[in-house]
PDB file of N, CA and C in Angstrom:
ATOM      1  N   MET A   1     -45.331  47.207  20.597  1.00  0.00           N
ATOM      2  CA  MET A   1     -44.423  46.988  21.912  1.00  0.00           C
ATOM      3  C   MET A   1     -44.513  48.642  22.732  1.00  0.00           C
ATOM      4  N   SER A   2     -43.919  48.577  23.435  1.00  0.00           N
ATOM      5  CA  SER A   2     -43.618  50.426  23.794  1.00  0.00           C
ATOM      6  C   SER A   2     -42.310  50.501  24.230  1.00  0.00           C
ATOM      7  N   GLY A   3     -42.492  51.657  24.534  1.00  0.00           N
ATOM      8  CA  GLY A   3     -40.459  51.978  25.191  1.00  0.00           C
ATOM      9  C   GLY A   3     -40.159  51.542  26.050  1.00  0.00           C
ATOM     10  N   SER A   4     -40.872  50.847  27.458  1.00  0.00           N
ATOM     11  CA  SER A   4     -40.744  50.625  28.359  1.00  0.00           C
ATOM     12  C   SER A   4     -40.162  49.051  28.323  1.00  0.00           C
ATOM     13  N   ASP A   5     -40.843  48.041  27.050  1.00  0.00           N
ATOM     14  CA  ASP A   5     -40.573  46.827  26.922  1.00  0.00           C
ATOM     15  C   ASP A   5     -39.109  46.693  26.726  1.00  0.00           C
ATOM     16  N   THR A   6     -38.397  47.631  26.020  1.00  0.00           N
ATOM     17  CA  THR A   6     -36.797  47.530  25.596  1.00  0.00           C
ATOM     18  C   THR A   6     -35.816  47.677  26.348  1.00  0.00           C
ATOM     19  N   HIS A   7     -36.410  48.364  27.353  1.00  0.00           N
ATOM     20  CA  HIS A   7     -35.545  48.995  28.377  1.00  0.00           C
ATOM     21  C   HIS A   7     -34.612  47.603  28.849  1.00  0.00           C
ATOM     22  N   THR A   8     -33.506  47.664  29.784  1.00  0.00           N
ATOM     23  CA  THR A   8     -32.807  47.074  30.194  1.00  0.00           C
ATOM     24  C   THR A   8     -32.242  47.244  31.613  1.00  0.00           C
ATOM     25  N   THR A   9     -32.183  46.600  32.295  1.00  0.00           N
ATOM     26  CA  THR A   9     -31.525  47.439  33.551  1.00  0.00           C
ATOM     27  C   THR A   9     -30.239  46.261  34.135  1.00  0.00           C
ATOM     28  N   ARG A  10     -29.514  46.750  34.696  1.00  0.00           N
ATOM     29  CA  ARG A  10     -28.516  46.667  35.021  1.00  0.00           C
ATOM     30  C   ARG A  10     -28.480  45.861  36.101  1.00  0.00           C
ATOM     31  N   THR A  11     -28.028  44.143  36.363  1.00  0.00           N
ATOM     32  CA  THR A  11     -27.885  43.736  37.502  1.00  0.00           C
ATOM     33  C   THR A  11     -27.120  44.322  38.325  1.00  0.00           C
ATOM     34  N   SER A  12     -25.850  44.160  37.855  1.00  0.00           N
ATOM     35  CA  SER A  12     -24.855  44.923  39.323  1.00  0.00           C
ATOM     36  C   SER A  12     -24.205  46.296  39.007  1.00  0.00           C
ATOM     37  N   PRO A  13     -23.902  46.843  40.271  1.00  0.00           N
ATOM     38  CA  PRO A  13     -23.618  48.342  39.491  1.00  0.00           C
ATOM     39  C   PRO A  13     -22.518  48.799  39.357  1.00  0.00           C
ATOM     40  N   LEU A  14     -22.392  49.827  38.801  1.00  0.00           N
ATOM     41  CA  LEU A  14     -21.085  50.187  37.827  1.00  0.00           C
ATOM     42  C   LEU A  14     -20.267  50.313  39.091  1.00  0.00           C
ATOM     43  N   PRO A  15     -19.112  49.391  38.495  1.00  0.00           N
ATOM     44  CA  PRO A  15     -17.968  49.444  39.804  1.00  0.00           C
ATOM     45  C   PRO A  15     -17.475  51.406  39.944  1.00  0.00           C
ATOM     46  N   LEU A  16     -16.923  51.467  40.728  1.00  0.00           N
ATOM     47  CA  LEU A  16     -16.184  52.852  41.043  1.00  0.00           C
ATOM     48  C   LEU A  16     -15.096  53.141  40.744  1.00  0.00           C
ATOM     49  N   PRO A  17     -14.541  54.647  40.268  1.00  0.00           N
ATOM     50  CA  PRO A  17     -13.737  54.440  39.673  1.00  0.00           C
ATOM     51  C   PRO A  17     -12.573  54.719  40.943  1.00  0.00           C
ATOM     52  N   PRO A  18     -11.233  54.353  39.565  1.00  0.00           N
ATOM     53  CA  PRO A  18     -10.243  54.109  41.120  1.00  0.00           C
ATOM     54  C   PRO A  18      -9.528  55.062  41.746  1.00  0.00           C
ATOM     55  N   ALA A  19      -9.331  55.155  42.811  1.00  0.00           N
ATOM     56  CA  ALA A  19      -8.951  56.655  44.089  1.00  0.00           C
ATOM     57  C   ALA A  19      -7.406  56.705  43.664  1.00  0.00           C
ATOM     58  N   THR A  20      -6.769  55.602  43.647  1.00  0.00           N
ATOM     59  CA  THR A  20      -5.223  55.922  43.505  1.00  0.00           C
ATOM     60  C   THR A  20      -5.116  55.204  42.057  1.00  0.00           C
ATOM     61  N   VAL A  21      -3.204  56.214  42.022  1.00  0.00           N
ATOM     62  CA  VAL A  21      -3.003  55.628  40.673  1.00  0.00           C
ATOM     63  C   VAL A  21      -3.046  54.502  40.513  1.00  0.00           C
ATOM     64  N   VAL A  22      -2.086  53.331  41.492  1.00  0.00           N
ATOM     65  CA  VAL A  22      -2.291  52.091  42.049  1.00  0.00           C
ATOM     66  C   VAL A  22      -3.354  50.864  41.936  1.00  0.00           C
ATOM     67  N   GLN A  23      -4.287  51.603  41.990  1.00  0.00           N
ATOM     68  CA  GLN A  23      -5.970  51.144  41.921  1.00  0.00           C
ATOM     69  C   GLN A  23      -6.247  50.968  40.509  1.00  0.00           C
ATOM     70  N   LEU A  24      -5.733  52.117  39.887  1.00  0.00           N
ATOM     71  CA  LEU A  24      -6.372  52.042  38.741  1.00  0.00           C
ATOM     72  C   LEU A  24      -5.379  51.222  37.543  1.00  0.00           C
ATOM     73  N   LEU A  25      -3.790  50.771  38.438  1.00  0.00           N
ATOM     74  CA  LEU A  25      -3.301  50.463  37.507  1.00  0.00           C
ATOM     75  C   LEU A  25      -3.397  48.678  37.593  1.00  0.00           C
ATOM     76  N   GLU A  26      -3.821  48.289  38.881  1.00  0.00           N
ATOM     77  CA  GLU A  26      -4.090  47.068  39.005  1.00  0.00           C
ATOM     78  C   GLU A  26      -5.781  46.876  38.551  1.00  0.00           C
ATOM     79  N   GLN A  27      -6.688  47.394  38.083  1.00  0.00           N
ATOM     80  CA  GLN A  27      -7.462  47.479  37.575  1.00  0.00           C
ATOM     81  C   GLN A  27      -7.861  47.198  35.475  1.00  0.00           C
ATOM     82  N   GLU A  28      -6.794  48.154  35.356  1.00  0.00           N
ATOM     83  CA  GLU A  28      -6.136  48.029  33.834  1.00  0.00           C
ATOM     84  C   GLU A  28      -5.459  46.819  33.601  1.00  0.00           C
ATOM     85  N   GLU A  29      -4.806  45.762  34.469  1.00  0.00           N
ATOM     86  CA  GLU A  29      -3.498  44.921  34.619  1.00  0.00           C
ATOM     87  C   GLU A  29      -4.941  43.963  34.561  1.00  0.00           C
ATOM     88  N   ALA A  30      -6.235  43.696  35.450  1.00  0.00           N
ATOM     89  CA  ALA A  30      -6.533  42.563  35.507  1.00  0.00           C
ATOM     90  C   ALA A  30      -7.771  42.574  34.445  1.00  0.00           C
ATOM     91  N   ARG A  31      -8.187  43.820  33.566  1.00  0.00           N
ATOM     92  CA  ARG A  31      -8.945  43.735  32.447  1.00  0.00           C
ATOM     93  C   ARG A  31      -7.825  42.927  31.024  1.00  0.00           C
ATOM     94  N   ALA A  32      -6.538  43.248  31.433  1.00  0.00           N
ATOM     95  CA  ALA A  32      -5.558  42.994  30.421  1.00  0.00           C
ATOM     96  C   ALA A  32      -5.772  41.750  30.184  1.00  0.00           C
ATOM     97  N   ILE A  33      -5.898  41.243  31.264  1.00  0.00           N
ATOM     98  CA  ILE A  33      -5.123  40.160  31.869  1.00  0.00           C
ATOM     99  C   ILE A  33      -6.572  38.831  31.049  1.00  0.00           C
ATOM    100  N   GLN A  34      -7.802  39.560  31.347  1.00  0.00           N
ATOM    101  CA  GLN A  34      -9.151  39.055  31.369  1.00  0.00           C
ATOM    102  C   GLN A  34      -9.546  39.072  29.610  1.00  0.00           C
ATOM    103  N   ARG A  35      -8.635  39.730  29.056  1.00  0.00           N
ATOM    104  CA  ARG A  35      -8.948  39.991  27.452  1.00  0.00           C
ATOM    105  C   ARG A  35      -7.808  39.249  26.822  1.00  0.00           C
ATOM    106  N   LEU A  36      -6.553  39.382  26.981  1.00  0.00           N
ATOM    107  CA  LEU A  36      -5.777  38.247  26.899  1.00  0.00           C
ATOM    108  C   LEU A  36      -6.523  37.056  27.447  1.00  0.00           C
ATOM    109  N   ALA A  37      -6.596  36.320  27.714  1.00  0.00           N
ATOM    110  CA  ALA A  37      -7.114  35.312  28.335  1.00  0.00           C
ATOM    111  C   ALA A  37      -8.057  34.512  26.948  1.00  0.00           C
ATOM    112  N   SER A  38      -8.943  35.261  26.991  1.00  0.00           N
ATOM    113  CA  SER A  38     -10.179  35.255  26.428  1.00  0.00           C
ATOM    114  C   SER A  38      -9.654  35.305  24.829  1.00  0.00           C
ATOM    115  N   SER A  39      -8.784  36.215  24.123  1.00  0.00           N
ATOM    116  CA  SER A  39      -8.375  36.131  23.004  1.00  0.00           C
ATOM    117  C   SER A  39      -7.460  35.054  22.580  1.00  0.00           C
ATOM    118  N   LEU A  40      -6.985  34.150  23.860  1.00  0.00           N
ATOM    119  CA  LEU A  40      -6.064  32.972  23.862  1.00  0.00           C
ATOM    120  C   LEU A  40      -7.194  31.597  23.114  1.00  0.00           C
ATOM    121  N   HIS A  41      -8.191  31.915  23.810  1.00  0.00           N
ATOM    122  CA  HIS A  41      -9.259  30.759  23.934  1.00  0.00           C
ATOM    123  C   HIS A  41      -9.989  30.839  22.698  1.00  0.00           C
ATOM    124  N   ARG A  42     -10.406  31.994  22.128  1.00  0.00           N
ATOM    125  CA  ARG A  42     -10.587  32.084  21.029  1.00  0.00           C
ATOM    126  C   ARG A  42      -9.789  31.454  19.780  1.00  0.00           C
ATOM    127  N   LEU A  43      -8.557  32.342  20.006  1.00  0.00           N
ATOM    128  CA  LEU A  43      -7.762  31.758  18.803  1.00  0.00           C
ATOM    129  C   LEU A  43      -7.243  30.401  18.959  1.00  0.00           C
ATOM    130  N   GLU A  44      -7.617  29.589  20.439  1.00  0.00           N
ATOM    131  CA  GLU A  44      -7.276  27.873  20.270  1.00  0.00           C
ATOM    132  C   GLU A  44      -8.444  27.434  19.381  1.00  0.00           C
ATOM    133  N   HIS A  45      -9.610  27.678  19.671  1.00  0.00           N
ATOM    134  CA  HIS A  45     -10.839  27.588  18.860  1.00  0.00           C
ATOM    135  C   HIS A  45     -10.719  27.204  17.623  1.00  0.00           C
ATOM    136  N   ASP A  46      -9.875  28.578  17.021  1.00  0.00           N
ATOM    137  CA  ASP A  46     -10.123  29.137  15.872  1.00  0.00           C
ATOM    138  C   ASP A  46      -9.141  28.123  14.587  1.00  0.00           C
ATOM    139  N   VAL A  47      -7.546  27.752  15.724  1.00  0.00           N
ATOM    140  CA  VAL A  47      -6.835  26.899  15.079  1.00  0.00           C
ATOM    141  C   VAL A  47      -7.437  25.674  15.038  1.00  0.00           C
ATOM    142  N   LEU A  48      -8.062  24.858  16.517  1.00  0.00           N
ATOM    143  CA  LEU A  48      -8.465  23.484  16.246  1.00  0.00           C
ATOM    144  C   LEU A  48      -9.131  23.546  14.967  1.00  0.00           C
ATOM    145  N   ALA A  49     -10.098  24.697  14.385  1.00  0.00           N
ATOM    146  CA  ALA A  49     -10.969  24.409  13.753  1.00  0.00           C
ATOM    147  C   ALA A  49     -10.568  24.817  12.166  1.00  0.00           C
ATOM    148  N   ALA A  50      -9.248  25.464  12.316  1.00  0.00           N
ATOM    149  CA  ALA A  50      -8.257  25.297  11.263  1.00  0.00           C
ATOM    150  C   ALA A  50      -7.755  24.002  10.769  1.00  0.00           C
ATOM    151  N   VAL A  51      -7.337  23.531  11.325  1.00  0.00           N
ATOM    152  CA  VAL A  51      -6.214  22.290  11.647  1.00  0.00           C
ATOM    153  C   VAL A  51      -7.097  21.140  11.191  1.00  0.00           C
ATOM    154  N   GLU A  52      -9.105  21.198  11.368  1.00  0.00           N
ATOM    155  CA  GLU A  52      -9.143  19.909  11.220  1.00  0.00           C
ATOM    156  C   GLU A  52      -9.281  19.304  10.519  1.00  0.00           C
ATOM    157  N   LEU A  53      -8.760  18.332  10.530  1.00  0.00           N
ATOM    158  CA  LEU A  53      -8.380  17.719   8.946  1.00  0.00           C
ATOM    159  C   LEU A  53      -9.427  16.808   8.233  1.00  0.00           C
ATOM    160  N   ARG A  54     -10.276  16.172   9.186  1.00  0.00           N
ATOM    161  CA  ARG A  54     -11.437  15.380   8.920  1.00  0.00           C
ATOM    162  C   ARG A  54     -12.348  15.561   8.062  1.00  0.00           C
ATOM    163  N   ALA A  55     -12.995  16.839   8.431  1.00  0.00           N
ATOM    164  CA  ALA A  55     -13.852  17.422   7.308  1.00  0.00           C
ATOM    165  C   ALA A  55     -13.274  17.381   5.899  1.00  0.00           C
ATOM    166  N   ARG A  56     -12.106  17.966   5.889  1.00  0.00           N
ATOM    167  CA  ARG A  56     -11.678  18.027   4.664  1.00  0.00           C
ATOM    168  C   ARG A  56     -11.482  16.945   3.765  1.00  0.00           C
ATOM    169  N   ILE A  57     -10.541  15.984   4.906  1.00  0.00           N
ATOM    170  CA  ILE A  57     -10.984  14.059   4.119  1.00  0.00           C
ATOM    171  C   ILE A  57     -12.021  13.968   3.628  1.00  0.00           C
ATOM    172  N   ARG A  58     -13.204  13.950   4.137  1.00  0.00           N
ATOM    173  CA  ARG A  58     -14.291  13.569   3.991  1.00  0.00           C
ATOM    174  C   ARG A  58     -14.796  14.169   2.826  1.00  0.00           C
ATOM    175  N   ARG A  59     -14.462  15.655   2.276  1.00  0.00           N
ATOM    176  CA  ARG A  59     -15.097  16.112   1.125  1.00  0.00           C
ATOM    177  C   ARG A  59     -13.705  15.555   0.489  1.00  0.00           C
ATOM    178  N   HIS A  60     -12.808  15.777   0.527  1.00  0.00           N
ATOM    179  CA  HIS A  60     -11.784  15.514  -0.854  1.00  0.00           C
ATOM    180  C   HIS A  60     -11.165  14.125  -0.440  1.00  0.00           C
ATOM    181  N   PRO A  61     -11.752  12.426  -0.753  1.00  0.00           N
ATOM    182  CA  PRO A  61     -10.817  11.674  -0.120  1.00  0.00           C
ATOM    183  C   PRO A  61      -9.890  11.289  -1.091  1.00  0.00           C
ATOM    184  N   PHE A  62     -10.085  11.824  -2.332  1.00  0.00           N
ATOM    185  CA  PHE A  62      -8.822  10.964  -3.419  1.00  0.00           C
ATOM    186  C   PHE A  62      -8.204  11.922  -3.658  1.00  0.00           C
ATOM    187  N   LEU A  63      -7.995  13.153  -2.904  1.00  0.00           N
ATOM    188  CA  LEU A  63      -7.221  14.333  -3.312  1.00  0.00           C
ATOM    189  C   LEU A  63      -6.473  13.784  -1.630  1.00  0.00           C
ATOM    190  N   ALA A  64      -6.864  13.538  -0.656  1.00  0.00           N
ATOM    191  CA  ALA A  64      -6.252  13.157   0.533  1.00  0.00           C
ATOM    192  C   ALA A  64      -5.319  11.686   0.748  1.00  0.00           C
ATOM    193  N   THR A  65      -5.958  10.784  -0.113  1.00  0.00           N
ATOM    194  CA  THR A  65      -5.044  10.166  -0.583  1.00  0.00           C
ATOM    195  C   THR A  65      -3.715   9.949  -1.271  1.00  0.00           C
ATOM    196  N   GLY A  66      -3.949  10.615  -2.690  1.00  0.00           N
ATOM    197  CA  GLY A  66      -3.114  11.247  -3.282  1.00  0.00           C
ATOM    198  C   GLY A  66      -1.759  11.970  -2.656  1.00  0.00           C
ATOM    199  N   LEU A  67      -2.168  13.170  -1.535  1.00  0.00           N
ATOM    200  CA  LEU A  67      -1.378  13.609  -0.982  1.00  0.00           C
ATOM    201  C   LEU A  67      -0.480  12.573   0.079  1.00  0.00           C
ATOM    202  N   GLY A  68      -1.245  11.975   0.644  1.00  0.00           N
ATOM    203  CA  GLY A  68      -0.467  11.207   1.644  1.00  0.00           C
ATOM    204  C   GLY A  68       0.615   9.949   1.317  1.00  0.00           C
ATOM    205  N   ALA A  69      -0.106   9.942  -0.154  1.00  0.00           N
ATOM    206  CA  ALA A  69       1.047   8.477  -1.141  1.00  0.00           C
ATOM    207  C   ALA A  69       2.381   9.270  -1.416  1.00  0.00           C
ATOM    208  N   ALA A  70       1.985  10.778  -2.261  1.00  0.00           N
ATOM    209  CA  ALA A  70       3.491  11.319  -2.393  1.00  0.00           C
ATOM    210  C   ALA A  70       3.972  11.954  -0.787  1.00  0.00           C
ATOM    211  N   LEU A  71       3.437  12.270  -0.380  1.00  0.00           N
ATOM    212  CA  LEU A  71       4.695  12.559   1.475  1.00  0.00           C
ATOM    213  C   LEU A  71       5.135  11.094   1.807  1.00  0.00           C
ATOM    214  N   GLY A  72       4.700  10.168   1.228  1.00  0.00           N
ATOM    215  CA  GLY A  72       4.824   9.136   1.412  1.00  0.00           C
ATOM    216  C   GLY A  72       6.594   8.709   1.582  1.00  0.00           C
ATOM    217  N   PHE A  73       6.116   8.717  -0.423  1.00  0.00           N
ATOM    218  CA  PHE A  73       7.477   8.506  -0.949  1.00  0.00           C
ATOM    219  C   PHE A  73       8.166   9.687  -1.064  1.00  0.00           C
ATOM    220  N   ALA A  74       7.812  10.435  -0.746  1.00  0.00           N
ATOM    221  CA  ALA A  74       8.977  11.468  -0.308  1.00  0.00           C
ATOM    222  C   ALA A  74       9.546  11.461   0.917  1.00  0.00           C
ATOM    223  N   ALA A  75       9.260  11.016   1.608  1.00  0.00           N
ATOM    224  CA  ALA A  75       9.460  10.719   3.336  1.00  0.00           C
ATOM    225  C   ALA A  75      10.252   9.318   3.413  1.00  0.00           C
ATOM    226  N   ALA A  76       9.933   8.311   2.504  1.00  0.00           N
ATOM    227  CA  ALA A  76      10.800   6.967   2.834  1.00  0.00           C
ATOM    228  C   ALA A  76      12.346   6.539   2.707  1.00  0.00           C
ATOM    229  N   PRO A  77      12.678   7.927   1.987  1.00  0.00           N
ATOM    230  CA  PRO A  77      14.668   7.892   1.893  1.00  0.00           C
ATOM    231  C   PRO A  77      14.988   8.421   2.782  1.00  0.00           C
ATOM    232  N   LEU A  78      14.248   9.276   4.005  1.00  0.00           N
ATOM    233  CA  LEU A  78      14.870  10.145   4.909  1.00  0.00           C
ATOM    234  C   LEU A  78      14.313   9.330   6.214  1.00  0.00           C
ATOM    235  N   ALA A  79      13.335   8.347   5.864  1.00  0.00           N
ATOM    236  CA  ALA A  79      13.073   7.249   7.220  1.00  0.00           C
ATOM    237  C   ALA A  79      14.310   6.909   8.237  1.00  0.00           C
ATOM    238  N   PRO A  80      15.097   6.007   7.385  1.00  0.00           N
ATOM    239  CA  PRO A  80      15.892   5.769   7.957  1.00  0.00           C
ATOM    240  C   PRO A  80      17.066   6.374   8.584  1.00  0.00           C
ATOM    241  N   ARG A  81      17.525   7.999   8.143  1.00  0.00           N
ATOM    242  CA  ARG A  81      18.228   8.722   8.680  1.00  0.00           C
ATOM    243  C   ARG A  81      17.537   9.197  10.014  1.00  0.00           C
ATOM    244  N   ILE A  82      16.237   9.490   9.905  1.00  0.00           N
ATOM    245  CA  ILE A  82      15.682   9.518  10.897  1.00  0.00           C
ATOM    246  C   ILE A  82      15.649   8.695  12.472  1.00  0.00           C
ATOM    247  N   LEU A  83      15.545   7.114  11.713  1.00  0.00           N
ATOM    248  CA  LEU A  83      15.376   6.561  12.646  1.00  0.00           C
ATOM    249  C   LEU A  83      16.859   6.269  13.429  1.00  0.00           C
ATOM    250  N   ARG A  84      18.014   6.112  12.321  1.00  0.00           N
ATOM    251  CA  ARG A  84      19.300   6.243  12.980  1.00  0.00           C
ATOM    252  C   ARG A  84      19.306   7.598  14.361  1.00  0.00           C
ATOM    253  N   TRP A  85      19.243   8.411  13.420  1.00  0.00           N
ATOM    254  CA  TRP A  85      19.349   9.842  14.288  1.00  0.00           C
ATOM    255  C   TRP A  85      18.536   9.835  15.225  1.00  0.00           C
ATOM    256  N   ILE A  86      17.343   9.355  15.887  1.00  0.00           N
ATOM    257  CA  ILE A  86      16.681   8.520  17.013  1.00  0.00           C
ATOM    258  C   ILE A  86      17.308   7.794  17.876  1.00  0.00           C
ATOM    259  N   VAL A  87      18.487   6.720  17.102  1.00  0.00           N
ATOM    260  CA  VAL A  87      19.337   5.889  17.929  1.00  0.00           C
ATOM    261  C   VAL A  87      19.696   6.551  18.431  1.00  0.00           C
ATOM    262  N   THR A  88      20.671   7.204  17.820  1.00  0.00           N
ATOM    263  CA  THR A  88      22.510   7.989  17.997  1.00  0.00           C
ATOM    264  C   THR A  88      22.062   8.957  19.447  1.00  0.00           C
ATOM    265  N   ALA A  89      20.802   9.614  19.073  1.00  0.00           N
ATOM    266  CA  ALA A  89      20.554  10.477  20.612  1.00  0.00           C
ATOM    267  C   ALA A  89      20.276   9.814  21.606  1.00  0.00           C
ATOM    268  N   ALA A  90      19.417   8.793  21.277  1.00  0.00           N
ATOM    269  CA  ALA A  90      18.718   7.496  22.739  1.00  0.00           C
ATOM    270  C   ALA A  90      19.808   7.094  23.631  1.00  0.00           C
ATOM    271  N   SER A  91      20.854   6.744  22.040  1.00  0.00           N
ATOM    272  CA  SER A  91      22.388   5.831  23.135  1.00  0.00           C
ATOM    273  C   SER A  91      22.819   6.331  24.137  1.00  0.00           C
ATOM    274  N   GLY A  92      22.865   8.111  24.389  1.00  0.00           N
ATOM    275  CA  GLY A  92      23.199   8.382  25.554  1.00  0.00           C
ATOM    276  C   GLY A  92      22.714   8.578  26.781  1.00  0.00           C
ATOM    277  N   LEU A  93      21.180   7.594  26.417  1.00  0.00           N
ATOM    278  CA  LEU A  93      20.260   6.892  27.894  1.00  0.00           C
ATOM    279  C   LEU A  93      21.019   6.213  28.434  1.00  0.00           C
ATOM    280  N   PRO A  94      20.982   6.215  29.960  1.00  0.00           N
ATOM    281  CA  PRO A  94      21.536   4.817  30.216  1.00  0.00           C
ATOM    282  C   PRO A  94      20.953   3.326  30.147  1.00  0.00           C
ATOM    283  N   HIS A  95      19.553   3.360  29.661  1.00  0.00           N
ATOM    284  CA  HIS A  95      19.065   2.183  29.437  1.00  0.00           C
ATOM    285  C   HIS A  95      19.325   1.921  28.405  1.00  0.00           C
ATOM    286  N   LEU A  96      19.838   2.606  27.515  1.00  0.00           N
ATOM    287  CA  LEU A  96      19.650   2.021  25.645  1.00  0.00           C
ATOM    288  C   LEU A  96      21.321   2.064  25.582  1.00  0.00           C
ATOM    289  N   ALA A  97      22.019   2.837  26.161  1.00  0.00           N
ATOM    290  CA  ALA A  97      23.674   2.535  25.982  1.00  0.00           C
ATOM    291  C   ALA A  97      24.262   1.047  26.113  1.00  0.00           C
ATOM    292  N   ALA A  98      23.367  -0.046  26.765  1.00  0.00           N
ATOM    293  CA  ALA A  98      23.768  -1.238  26.774  1.00  0.00           C
ATOM    294  C   ALA A  98      24.127  -1.796  25.556  1.00  0.00           C
ATOM    295  N   ARG A  99      23.364  -1.523  24.723  1.00  0.00           N
ATOM    296  CA  ARG A  99      23.019  -2.529  23.528  1.00  0.00           C
ATOM    297  C   ARG A  99      22.222  -1.666  22.108  1.00  0.00           C
ATOM    298  N   MET A 100      23.050  -0.955  21.118  1.00  0.00           N
ATOM    299  CA  MET A 100      22.650  -0.582  20.667  1.00  0.00           C
ATOM    300  C   MET A 100      21.478  -1.014  19.190  1.00  0.00           C
ATOM    301  N   PRO A 101      20.136  -1.020  19.273  1.00  0.00           N
ATOM    302  CA  PRO A 101      19.186  -1.479  18.088  1.00  0.00           C
ATOM    303  C   PRO A 101      19.706  -1.701  17.189  1.00  0.00           C
ATOM    304  N   VAL A 102      19.611  -2.751  16.181  1.00  0.00           N
ATOM    305  CA  VAL A 102      19.959  -3.032  14.734  1.00  0.00           C
ATOM    306  C   VAL A 102      18.804  -3.019  13.721  1.00  0.00           C
ATOM    307  N   GLY A 103      17.824  -3.461  14.243  1.00  0.00           N
ATOM    308  CA  GLY A 103      17.029  -2.876  13.171  1.00  0.00           C
ATOM    309  C   GLY A 103      15.852  -2.254  13.826  1.00  0.00           C
ATOM    310  N   VAL A 104      14.032  -2.542  12.879  1.00  0.00           N
ATOM    311  CA  VAL A 104      12.739  -1.899  13.801  1.00  0.00           C
ATOM    312  C   VAL A 104      12.825  -2.388  14.546  1.00  0.00           C
ATOM    313  N   ALA A 105      12.463  -3.145  14.481  1.00  0.00           N
ATOM    314  CA  ALA A 105      12.091  -4.332  15.504  1.00  0.00           C
ATOM    315  C   ALA A 105      13.268  -4.241  17.152  1.00  0.00           C
ATOM    316  N   CYS A 106      14.107  -4.102  16.637  1.00  0.00           N
ATOM    317  CA  CYS A 106      14.584  -3.974  18.362  1.00  0.00           C
ATOM    318  C   CYS A 106      14.743  -2.186  18.645  1.00  0.00           C
ATOM    319  N   LEU A 107      14.632  -1.620  17.866  1.00  0.00           N
ATOM    320  CA  LEU A 107      14.425  -0.226  18.173  1.00  0.00           C
ATOM    321  C   LEU A 107      13.205  -0.083  18.591  1.00  0.00           C
ATOM    322  N   VAL A 108      11.882  -0.475  18.208  1.00  0.00           N
ATOM    323  CA  VAL A 108      10.400  -0.478  19.012  1.00  0.00           C
ATOM    324  C   VAL A 108      10.517  -1.067  20.430  1.00  0.00           C
ATOM    325  N   LEU A 109      11.407  -2.386  20.964  1.00  0.00           N
ATOM    326  CA  LEU A 109      11.346  -2.599  21.777  1.00  0.00           C
ATOM    327  C   LEU A 109      12.315  -2.351  23.180  1.00  0.00           C
ATOM    328  N   ALA A 110      13.492  -1.604  22.042  1.00  0.00           N
ATOM    329  CA  ALA A 110      14.264  -0.377  23.378  1.00  0.00           C
ATOM    330  C   ALA A 110      13.381   0.576  23.726  1.00  0.00           C
ATOM    331  N   SER A 111      12.399   0.909  22.927  1.00  0.00           N
ATOM    332  CA  SER A 111      11.490   2.131  23.343  1.00  0.00           C
ATOM    333  C   SER A 111      10.925   1.388  24.490  1.00  0.00           C
ATOM    334  N   VAL A 112      10.032   0.521  24.418  1.00  0.00           N
ATOM    335  CA  VAL A 112       9.319   0.051  25.000  1.00  0.00           C
ATOM    336  C   VAL A 112      10.018   0.413  26.090  1.00  0.00           C
ATOM    337  N   ARG A 113      11.269  -0.524  26.186  1.00  0.00           N
ATOM    338  CA  ARG A 113      11.568  -0.979  27.404  1.00  0.00           C
ATOM    339  C   ARG A 113      12.003   0.294  28.150  1.00  0.00           C
ATOM    340  N   GLY A 114      12.506   1.390  27.720  1.00  0.00           N
ATOM    341  CA  GLY A 114      13.024   3.029  28.288  1.00  0.00           C
ATOM    342  C   GLY A 114      11.514   3.196  28.485  1.00  0.00           C
ATOM    343  N   ALA A 115      10.922   3.150  27.606  1.00  0.00           N
ATOM    344  CA  ALA A 115       9.421   3.605  28.551  1.00  0.00           C
ATOM    345  C   ALA A 115       9.058   3.024  29.463  1.00  0.00           C
ATOM    346  N   ARG A 116       9.004   1.796  29.425  1.00  0.00           N
ATOM    347  CA  ARG A 116       8.662   1.248  30.798  1.00  0.00           C
ATOM    348  C   ARG A 116       9.279   1.722  32.265  1.00  0.00           C
ATOM    349  N   ALA A 117      11.204   1.729  32.233  1.00  0.00           N
ATOM    350  CA  ALA A 117      12.040   2.266  32.841  1.00  0.00           C
ATOM    351  C   ALA A 117      11.405   3.376  33.388  1.00  0.00           C
ATOM    352  N   ARG A 118      10.759   4.089  33.022  1.00  0.00           N
ATOM    353  CA  ARG A 118      10.705   5.364  33.413  1.00  0.00           C
ATOM    354  C   ARG A 118       9.515   5.311  34.286  1.00  0.00           C
ATOM    355  N   ARG A 119       8.046   4.768  34.306  1.00  0.00           N
ATOM    356  CA  ARG A 119       7.433   4.790  35.077  1.00  0.00           C
ATOM    357  C   ARG A 119       7.921   4.196  36.464  1.00  0.00           C
TER     358      ARG A 119
END
């Protein structure tokens, strides 16, 4: 291999240096925005890879099942309180203010009616 084989050529010319301070600031702002956008794009992919639970569940199915059961056992006493809070928060809406749902089935029906009314 000769030294000329490793030589690379530029396809675009080098940008001219900015003539004024305003042009310099605009150029630096554009670079900063571009770098920020690429950083956010990389961060998005990194977060999605870190939060991806499917692979972890496939590697440790018994641990995932045990954690799910433990969380369900711990959250079960909180579920009626959360549903009651949702109903009282939703009772201010004009669609649900007429009748307060009593059970879970009524809550589901009221939420479906509310969603249908918003369309």
